[in-house]
Protein backbone atom coordinates (compact mmCIF):
# COMPACT_ATOMS: atom_id res chain seq x y z
CA UNK A 1 -1.87 -25.09 -36.20
CA UNK A 2 -4.15 -22.24 -35.20
CA UNK A 3 -2.61 -18.83 -35.76
CA UNK A 4 -2.30 -16.67 -32.69
CA UNK A 5 -1.69 -13.02 -33.63
CA UNK A 6 0.81 -11.34 -31.36
CA UNK A 7 -1.53 -8.44 -30.65
CA UNK A 8 -4.26 -10.82 -29.43
CA UNK A 9 -1.79 -12.62 -27.18
CA UNK A 10 -0.56 -9.28 -25.83
CA UNK A 11 -4.15 -8.31 -24.98
CA UNK A 12 -4.66 -11.65 -23.16
CA UNK A 13 -1.41 -11.19 -21.20
CA UNK A 14 -2.41 -7.62 -20.28
CA UNK A 15 -5.87 -8.77 -19.14
CA UNK A 16 -4.40 -11.47 -16.90
CA UNK A 17 -1.74 -9.07 -15.64
CA UNK A 18 -4.33 -6.53 -14.48
CA UNK A 19 -6.66 -9.18 -13.06
CA UNK A 20 -3.87 -10.74 -10.98
CA UNK A 21 -2.47 -7.29 -10.09
CA UNK A 22 -5.84 -6.30 -8.66
CA UNK A 23 -7.41 -9.47 -7.23
CA UNK A 24 -4.25 -11.06 -5.83
CA UNK A 25 -1.67 -8.27 -5.59
CA UNK A 26 -3.92 -5.54 -4.17
CA UNK A 27 -6.82 -7.44 -2.56
CA UNK A 28 -5.32 -10.73 -1.30
CA UNK A 29 -1.90 -9.41 -0.28
CA UNK A 30 -3.33 -6.09 0.86
CA UNK A 31 -5.78 -7.37 3.46
CA UNK A 32 -3.20 -8.69 5.99
CA UNK A 33 -1.70 -5.18 6.08
CA UNK A 34 -4.78 -4.07 8.02
CA UNK A 35 -4.79 -6.91 10.57
CA UNK A 36 -2.80 -4.99 13.16
CA UNK A 37 -5.24 -2.05 12.96
CA UNK A 38 -8.17 -4.45 13.37
CA UNK A 39 -6.51 -6.16 16.35
CA UNK A 40 -5.95 -2.79 18.03
CA UNK A 41 -9.40 -1.32 17.26
CA UNK A 42 -11.57 -4.38 17.96
CA UNK A 43 -9.40 -6.25 20.47
CA UNK A 44 -9.54 -9.47 18.44
CA UNK A 45 -6.87 -12.15 18.81
CA UNK A 46 -4.50 -13.17 16.03
CA UNK A 47 -6.48 -16.39 15.67
CA UNK A 48 -9.68 -14.41 15.07
CA UNK A 49 -8.16 -11.94 12.66
CA UNK A 50 -6.70 -14.72 10.49
CA UNK A 51 -9.81 -16.87 10.77
CA UNK A 52 -11.69 -14.77 8.21
CA UNK A 53 -9.29 -15.96 5.53
CA UNK A 54 -9.47 -19.51 6.89
CA UNK A 55 -13.24 -19.85 7.23
CA UNK A 56 -14.00 -18.17 3.89
CA UNK A 57 -11.60 -20.38 1.96
CA UNK A 58 -12.75 -23.53 3.74
CA UNK A 59 -16.31 -22.73 2.68
CA UNK A 60 -15.63 -21.38 -0.81
CA UNK A 61 -12.89 -23.80 -1.84
CA UNK A 62 -14.68 -27.15 -1.38
CA UNK A 63 -18.06 -25.79 -2.53
CA UNK A 64 -16.99 -23.75 -5.55
CA UNK A 65 -13.44 -24.74 -6.53
CA UNK A 66 -14.23 -27.75 -8.70
CA UNK A 67 -17.44 -26.16 -9.99
CA UNK A 68 -15.47 -23.08 -11.08
CA UNK A 69 -12.94 -25.32 -12.83
CA UNK A 70 -15.70 -27.19 -14.67
CA UNK A 71 -17.33 -23.90 -15.71
CA UNK A 72 -14.04 -22.61 -17.08
CA UNK A 73 -13.44 -25.81 -19.07
CA UNK A 74 -17.01 -25.85 -20.39
CA UNK A 75 -17.82 -22.16 -20.99
CA UNK A 76 -14.49 -20.33 -20.83
CA UNK A 77 -12.98 -18.02 -18.21
CA UNK A 78 -14.41 -14.58 -19.17
CA UNK A 79 -17.74 -14.56 -17.32
CA UNK A 80 -16.21 -16.06 -14.20
CA UNK A 81 -13.48 -13.42 -14.24
CA UNK A 82 -16.02 -10.58 -14.49
CA UNK A 83 -17.86 -11.83 -11.42
CA UNK A 84 -14.58 -12.31 -9.58
CA UNK A 85 -13.40 -8.75 -10.17
CA UNK A 86 -16.64 -7.26 -8.83
CA UNK A 87 -16.70 -9.52 -5.76
CA UNK A 88 -13.03 -8.95 -4.89
CA UNK A 89 -13.33 -5.18 -5.06
CA UNK A 90 -16.72 -5.17 -3.35
CA UNK A 91 -15.34 -7.28 -0.49
CA UNK A 92 -12.74 -4.64 0.38
CA UNK A 93 -15.34 -1.88 0.23
CA UNK A 94 -17.58 -3.95 2.53
CA UNK A 95 -14.75 -4.64 4.99
CA UNK A 96 -14.15 -0.91 5.27
CA UNK A 97 -17.65 -0.57 6.80
CA UNK A 98 -17.59 -3.53 9.22
CA UNK A 99 -18.40 -3.13 12.88
CA UNK A 100 -18.72 -6.77 14.05
CA UNK A 101 -17.04 -10.13 13.58
CA UNK A 102 -19.91 -11.55 11.49
CA UNK A 103 -19.45 -8.72 8.98
CA UNK A 104 -15.73 -9.50 8.84
CA UNK A 105 -16.54 -13.12 7.96
CA UNK A 106 -19.25 -12.19 5.43
CA UNK A 107 -17.08 -9.84 3.39
CA UNK A 108 -14.08 -12.15 3.64
CA UNK A 109 -16.35 -14.80 2.08
CA UNK A 110 -16.85 -12.52 -0.93
CA UNK A 111 -13.11 -11.90 -1.04
CA UNK A 112 -12.54 -15.65 -1.32
CA UNK A 113 -15.23 -15.96 -4.02
CA UNK A 114 -13.55 -13.16 -5.96
CA UNK A 115 -10.23 -14.96 -5.74
CA UNK A 116 -11.67 -18.27 -6.97
CA UNK A 117 -13.67 -16.71 -9.81
CA UNK A 118 -11.26 -14.03 -11.00
CA UNK A 119 -7.81 -15.01 -9.71
CA UNK A 120 -5.29 -17.67 -10.71
CA UNK A 121 -7.73 -20.40 -11.83
CA UNK A 122 -9.39 -18.71 -14.84
CA UNK A 123 -6.23 -16.82 -15.74
CA UNK A 124 -4.15 -19.99 -15.80
CA UNK A 125 -6.64 -21.61 -18.16
CA UNK A 126 -6.86 -18.47 -20.32
CA UNK A 127 -3.07 -18.26 -20.68
CA UNK A 128 -2.71 -22.02 -21.28
CA UNK A 129 -5.22 -21.81 -24.16
CA UNK A 130 -3.52 -18.86 -25.84
CA UNK A 131 0.14 -19.82 -25.37
CA UNK A 132 1.99 -23.05 -26.17
CA UNK A 133 5.79 -23.00 -26.39
CA UNK A 134 6.11 -19.66 -24.62
CA UNK A 135 3.62 -20.59 -21.90
CA UNK A 136 6.15 -20.21 -19.08
CA UNK A 137 7.17 -16.76 -20.26
CA UNK A 138 3.52 -15.73 -20.63
CA UNK A 139 2.69 -16.97 -17.13
CA UNK A 140 5.72 -15.15 -15.77
CA UNK A 141 4.74 -11.86 -17.40
CA UNK A 142 1.08 -12.13 -16.35
CA UNK A 143 2.05 -13.13 -12.82
CA UNK A 144 4.19 -10.02 -12.61
CA UNK A 145 0.86 -8.42 -11.81
CA UNK A 146 0.85 -10.20 -8.46
CA UNK A 147 4.40 -9.13 -7.69
CA UNK A 148 3.97 -5.51 -8.76
CA UNK A 149 0.58 -5.20 -7.08
CA UNK A 150 1.91 -6.83 -3.93
CA UNK A 151 4.99 -4.61 -3.93
CA UNK A 152 2.92 -1.45 -4.37
CA UNK A 153 0.10 -2.20 -1.93
CA UNK A 154 2.11 -1.93 1.35
CA UNK A 155 3.34 1.55 0.45
CA UNK A 156 0.01 2.54 -1.11
CA UNK A 157 -1.92 1.30 1.95
CA UNK A 158 0.47 3.09 4.31
CA UNK A 159 -0.07 6.38 2.44
CA UNK A 160 -3.85 5.91 2.16
CA UNK A 161 -4.10 4.98 5.85
CA UNK A 162 -2.13 8.09 6.78
CA UNK A 163 -4.46 10.25 4.66
CA UNK A 164 -7.86 8.61 5.22
CA UNK A 165 -7.53 6.08 8.07
CA UNK A 166 -7.51 2.32 7.58
CA UNK A 167 -11.20 2.19 6.63
CA UNK A 168 -10.81 4.83 3.94
CA UNK A 169 -7.69 3.04 2.68
CA UNK A 170 -9.53 -0.29 2.35
CA UNK A 171 -12.40 1.39 0.51
CA UNK A 172 -10.02 3.13 -1.89
CA UNK A 173 -8.16 -0.08 -2.71
CA UNK A 174 -11.48 -1.88 -3.34
CA UNK A 175 -12.56 0.75 -5.85
CA UNK A 176 -9.14 0.59 -7.51
CA UNK A 177 -9.47 -3.20 -7.96
CA UNK A 178 -12.68 -2.80 -9.97
CA UNK A 179 -11.50 0.19 -12.01
CA UNK A 180 -8.27 -1.52 -13.08
CA UNK A 181 -9.40 -5.09 -13.76
CA UNK A 182 -12.93 -4.79 -15.15
CA UNK A 183 -12.48 -2.94 -18.49
CA UNK A 184 -10.13 -5.36 -20.30
CA UNK A 185 -11.93 -8.41 -18.90
CA UNK A 186 -15.15 -7.23 -20.56
CA UNK A 187 -13.61 -7.70 -24.02
CA UNK A 188 -11.35 -10.74 -23.53
CA UNK A 189 -11.76 -13.76 -25.87
CA UNK A 190 -11.97 -17.19 -24.26
CA UNK A 191 -9.41 -18.79 -26.62
CA UNK A 192 -8.05 -18.51 -30.18
CA UNK A 193 -10.57 -18.91 -33.00
CA UNK A 194 -11.66 -22.52 -33.41
CA UNK A 195 -9.88 -23.84 -30.35
CA UNK A 196 -12.74 -23.54 -27.82
CA UNK A 197 -14.88 -26.08 -29.69
CA UNK A 198 -12.01 -28.58 -29.89
CA UNK A 199 -11.25 -28.24 -26.19
CA UNK A 200 -14.89 -28.79 -25.24
CA UNK A 201 -15.24 -31.75 -27.61
CA UNK A 202 -12.15 -33.48 -26.27
CA UNK A 203 -12.51 -33.15 -22.50
CA UNK A 204 -10.42 -35.79 -20.79
CA UNK A 205 -12.15 -37.76 -18.00
CA UNK A 206 -10.94 -36.78 -14.54
CA UNK A 207 -11.12 -40.31 -13.14
CA UNK A 208 -8.00 -41.21 -15.11
CA UNK A 209 -6.19 -38.27 -13.49
CA UNK A 210 -7.28 -39.31 -10.00
CA UNK A 211 -5.79 -42.78 -10.54
CA UNK A 212 -2.31 -41.36 -11.11
CA UNK A 213 0.20 -41.06 -8.27
CA UNK A 214 1.54 -37.89 -9.88
CA UNK A 215 -1.74 -36.09 -9.14
CA UNK A 216 -1.48 -36.77 -5.41
CA UNK A 217 2.20 -35.82 -5.28
CA UNK A 218 1.46 -32.55 -7.09
CA UNK A 219 -1.48 -31.83 -4.79
CA UNK A 220 0.51 -32.64 -1.63
CA UNK A 221 3.54 -30.65 -2.74
CA UNK A 222 1.55 -27.59 -3.67
CA UNK A 223 -0.63 -27.77 -0.54
CA UNK A 224 2.37 -27.89 1.79
CA UNK A 225 4.34 -25.16 0.08
CA UNK A 226 1.31 -22.88 -0.37
CA UNK A 227 0.48 -23.46 3.30
CA UNK A 228 3.99 -22.42 4.29
CA UNK A 229 3.86 -19.32 2.09
CA UNK A 230 0.36 -18.38 3.27
CA UNK A 231 1.26 -18.80 6.92
CA UNK A 232 4.30 -16.56 6.55
CA UNK A 233 2.51 -13.92 4.46
CA UNK A 234 -0.56 -13.62 6.68
CA UNK A 235 1.52 -13.09 9.82
CA UNK A 236 4.45 -11.09 8.48
CA UNK A 237 3.00 -7.64 9.23
CA UNK A 238 1.72 -8.79 12.64
CA UNK A 239 5.09 -10.33 13.47
CA UNK A 240 7.14 -7.33 12.40
CA UNK A 241 4.97 -4.56 13.85
CA UNK A 242 3.63 -6.12 17.07
CA UNK A 243 6.30 -8.70 18.01
CA UNK A 244 9.48 -7.15 16.62
CA UNK A 245 8.35 -3.52 17.12
CA UNK A 246 9.22 -2.42 13.62
CA UNK A 247 7.76 0.96 12.70
CA UNK A 248 4.80 0.88 10.30
CA UNK A 249 6.81 2.37 7.46
CA UNK A 250 9.70 -0.05 8.03
CA UNK A 251 7.39 -3.08 8.07
CA UNK A 252 5.75 -1.80 4.88
CA UNK A 253 9.16 -1.49 3.21
CA UNK A 254 10.11 -5.08 4.10
CA UNK A 255 6.81 -6.49 2.84
CA UNK A 256 7.14 -4.40 -0.31
CA UNK A 257 10.66 -5.75 -0.79
CA UNK A 258 9.33 -9.33 -0.57
CA UNK A 259 6.95 -8.59 -3.41
CA UNK A 260 9.59 -6.67 -5.37
CA UNK A 261 11.86 -9.74 -5.31
CA UNK A 262 8.87 -11.84 -6.29
CA UNK A 263 8.83 -9.87 -9.57
CA UNK A 264 12.36 -11.07 -10.29
CA UNK A 265 11.34 -14.57 -9.22
CA UNK A 266 8.37 -14.65 -11.60
CA UNK A 267 10.44 -13.59 -14.60
CA UNK A 268 13.31 -15.90 -13.70
CA UNK A 269 11.17 -18.97 -12.98
CA UNK A 270 9.00 -18.42 -16.05
CA UNK A 271 12.14 -18.17 -18.19
CA UNK A 272 13.64 -21.30 -16.61
CA UNK A 273 10.37 -23.23 -17.01
CA UNK A 274 10.54 -22.79 -20.80
CA UNK A 275 14.10 -24.17 -20.88
CA UNK A 276 14.44 -26.77 -18.12
CA UNK A 277 12.33 -29.64 -16.84
CA UNK A 278 9.54 -28.00 -14.86
CA UNK A 279 10.04 -30.49 -12.03
CA UNK A 280 13.50 -29.07 -11.29
CA UNK A 281 12.25 -25.49 -11.48
CA UNK A 282 9.45 -26.36 -9.05
CA UNK A 283 11.95 -28.02 -6.70
CA UNK A 284 14.16 -24.91 -6.80
CA UNK A 285 11.18 -22.70 -5.90
CA UNK A 286 10.11 -24.92 -3.01
CA UNK A 287 13.70 -25.11 -1.81
CA UNK A 288 13.91 -21.31 -1.61
CA UNK A 289 10.77 -21.22 0.56
CA UNK A 290 12.24 -23.91 2.84
CA UNK A 291 15.46 -21.94 3.28
CA UNK A 292 13.83 -18.54 3.78
CA UNK A 293 11.41 -19.20 6.66
CA UNK A 294 14.10 -20.16 9.25
CA UNK A 295 15.57 -16.66 8.80
CA UNK A 296 12.52 -15.24 10.62
CA UNK A 297 13.97 -16.58 13.88
CA UNK A 298 16.61 -13.84 13.54
CA UNK A 299 14.27 -11.01 12.54
CA UNK A 300 15.57 -8.86 15.40
CA UNK A 301 18.52 -8.23 13.07
CA UNK A 302 17.27 -5.99 10.24
CA UNK A 303 19.91 -7.29 7.83
CA UNK A 304 18.62 -10.86 8.26
CA UNK A 305 15.04 -9.67 7.76
CA UNK A 306 16.02 -8.09 4.45
CA UNK A 307 17.78 -11.31 3.47
CA UNK A 308 14.55 -13.18 4.25
CA UNK A 309 12.66 -10.72 2.04
CA UNK A 310 15.00 -11.43 -0.88
CA UNK A 311 15.06 -15.24 -0.64
CA UNK A 312 11.38 -15.62 0.25
CA UNK A 313 10.41 -13.17 -2.48
CA UNK A 314 12.27 -15.14 -5.16
CA UNK A 315 10.49 -18.33 -4.10
CA UNK A 316 7.15 -16.57 -3.79
CA UNK A 317 7.53 -15.26 -7.33
CA UNK A 318 7.55 -18.73 -8.82
CA UNK A 319 5.23 -20.39 -6.29
CA UNK A 320 1.88 -19.86 -7.98
CA UNK A 321 2.93 -19.83 -11.63
CA UNK A 322 4.82 -23.15 -11.52
CA UNK A 323 1.80 -25.17 -10.34
CA UNK A 324 -0.31 -24.74 -13.52
CA UNK A 325 2.79 -25.15 -15.67
CA UNK A 326 3.58 -28.44 -13.94
CA UNK A 327 -0.06 -29.54 -14.20
CA UNK A 328 -0.15 -28.79 -17.94
CA UNK A 329 3.19 -30.57 -18.38
CA UNK A 330 1.95 -33.71 -16.64
CA UNK A 331 -1.71 -33.90 -17.72
CA UNK A 332 -2.29 -31.54 -20.70
CA UNK A 333 -4.63 -28.57 -21.20
CA UNK A 334 -7.79 -30.67 -21.72
CA UNK A 335 -8.21 -31.06 -17.95
CA UNK A 336 -6.66 -27.77 -16.84
CA UNK A 337 -9.80 -26.07 -15.51
CA UNK A 338 -11.08 -29.04 -13.55
CA UNK A 339 -7.62 -30.17 -12.43
CA UNK A 340 -6.63 -26.71 -11.21
CA UNK A 341 -10.07 -26.39 -9.60
CA UNK A 342 -9.26 -29.42 -7.46
CA UNK A 343 -5.64 -28.46 -6.76
CA UNK A 344 -6.42 -24.82 -6.00
CA UNK A 345 -9.21 -25.97 -3.70
CA UNK A 346 -6.73 -28.15 -1.82
CA UNK A 347 -4.20 -25.31 -1.82
CA UNK A 348 -6.88 -22.95 -0.54
CA UNK A 349 -7.60 -25.25 2.40
CA UNK A 350 -3.89 -25.32 3.26
CA UNK A 351 -3.58 -21.56 2.80
CA UNK A 352 -6.61 -21.09 5.05
CA UNK A 353 -5.62 -23.41 7.89
CA UNK A 354 -1.92 -22.62 8.02
CA UNK A 355 -2.21 -18.94 9.12
CA UNK A 356 -4.89 -19.90 11.63
CA UNK A 357 -2.62 -22.64 13.05
CA UNK A 358 0.29 -20.21 13.31
CA UNK A 359 -1.99 -17.66 14.98
CA UNK A 360 -3.20 -20.25 17.50
CA UNK A 361 0.38 -21.30 18.29
CA UNK A 362 1.36 -17.64 18.75
CA UNK A 363 -1.60 -16.96 21.04
CA UNK A 364 -0.88 -20.11 23.05
CA UNK A 365 2.90 -19.80 23.40
CA UNK A 366 3.35 -16.04 23.38
CA UNK A 367 5.81 -16.17 20.47
CA UNK A 368 6.08 -17.41 16.89
CA UNK A 369 8.71 -20.14 17.42
CA UNK A 370 6.37 -23.14 17.21
CA UNK A 371 4.46 -21.57 14.33
CA UNK A 372 7.61 -21.00 12.28
CA UNK A 373 8.75 -24.58 12.91
CA UNK A 374 5.39 -25.81 11.61
CA UNK A 375 5.83 -23.69 8.45
CA UNK A 376 9.35 -25.06 7.91
CA UNK A 377 8.04 -28.63 8.16
CA UNK A 378 5.32 -27.87 5.59
CA UNK A 379 7.85 -26.39 3.16
CA UNK A 380 10.22 -29.37 3.46
CA UNK A 381 7.40 -31.91 2.94
CA UNK A 382 6.27 -29.96 -0.12
CA UNK A 383 9.75 -30.06 -1.63
CA UNK A 384 9.98 -33.79 -0.94
CA UNK A 385 6.71 -34.49 -2.75
CA UNK A 386 7.87 -32.52 -5.79
CA UNK A 387 11.14 -34.48 -5.86
CA UNK A 388 9.09 -37.65 -6.41
CA UNK A 389 7.12 -36.30 -9.40
CA UNK A 390 7.75 -37.90 -12.81
CA UNK A 391 9.58 -35.91 -15.49
CA UNK A 392 7.38 -37.00 -18.39
CA UNK A 393 3.74 -36.40 -19.26
CA UNK A 394 1.24 -38.78 -17.67
CA UNK A 395 -0.97 -40.44 -20.28
CA UNK A 396 -4.70 -39.94 -19.74
CA UNK A 397 -7.57 -40.94 -22.01
CA UNK A 398 -9.64 -38.41 -23.93
CA UNK A 399 -13.40 -38.51 -23.79
CA UNK A 400 -15.15 -37.08 -26.88
CA UNK A 401 -18.66 -35.85 -26.24
CA UNK A 402 -21.43 -37.73 -28.08
CA UNK A 403 -21.69 -36.46 -31.67
CA UNK A 404 -18.32 -34.69 -31.61
CA UNK A 405 -15.81 -35.05 -34.42
CA UNK A 406 -12.99 -35.92 -32.01
CA UNK A 407 -10.46 -33.67 -33.68
CA UNK A 408 -6.88 -33.32 -32.48
CA UNK A 409 -6.13 -30.17 -30.54
CA UNK A 410 -4.14 -27.64 -32.49
């Protein structure tokens, strides 16, 4: 067994924490907070303002998702993460200067590239290589970055917007992303000493994964639930501020509360994933999402909106961390980069199309009723797919590269 010094593992967890805090918590969750300002200033529809996320992910996901996964498996996550940090921060700085729709799409494209290269995919692989028995706890701690960043960014953006306007706020957050995430990433090690070579030598063929029903159930379940979460997240500020007439500060507090509860959810679900069958933990998470979204029909009552924030936040906390844990449980770490490249690409398509669909339904019907029903259906289908997943690891063949020693992974 390869020794993994605690200090090295702590450095890896801190690196992933800051990367996810910045690229997902600040950049990804922060951008929808500016949609209402963009709608008011440019006169764009809700479909248009959510289409930047949709179009960028539909282009980036299919073109780069699997390639990024292969690069991580073959060369390690560090270089990809460095590029991702720069692109994610640069995208926000670029969006702060936009004056036309094509600029909105261009910089959103870089935002999506930053997410693919520096977000969950390389960090999931990095954590899976460095942690074994405590993998769920490690994922939970690292993914706290998303929750803390997401909880801070509504209040931070509100204050920055008050001080500098929404353009100055976006520019400031973009600079902050780079300053926080880049330094530790520069010095991160790909994996424990000696393990990188063994992983590369024993890459499992993906065709054996694609022949398993479990792969399609995992992909369908994650796509539907991520679509439901993305649709709710992308429209929450629009819904509260423009449809329910919540004050800016009140809407910011509710969104911040969602992300604050997601912190509890990440710790709780990571802890449960190390002790219970990951299938049941995943089903619990998807069940929380399914229960939370119907509460939005009663958002005129502030108490119900806060209840939504609590339940949805708990589910959101475990949403992203449970997918790589379930993938590693079913298929092993030898295919993690490529497998998560495929699944995250599929999830990205769902996360891109869902908010655009909800926006279209809102523009067409004049309210969010049909959109929320669509999100509820997605969440329920996702939970159903997870319920059909096997409990045990799926056997897949290992493919040693020519000339390799075909050693067992430590």
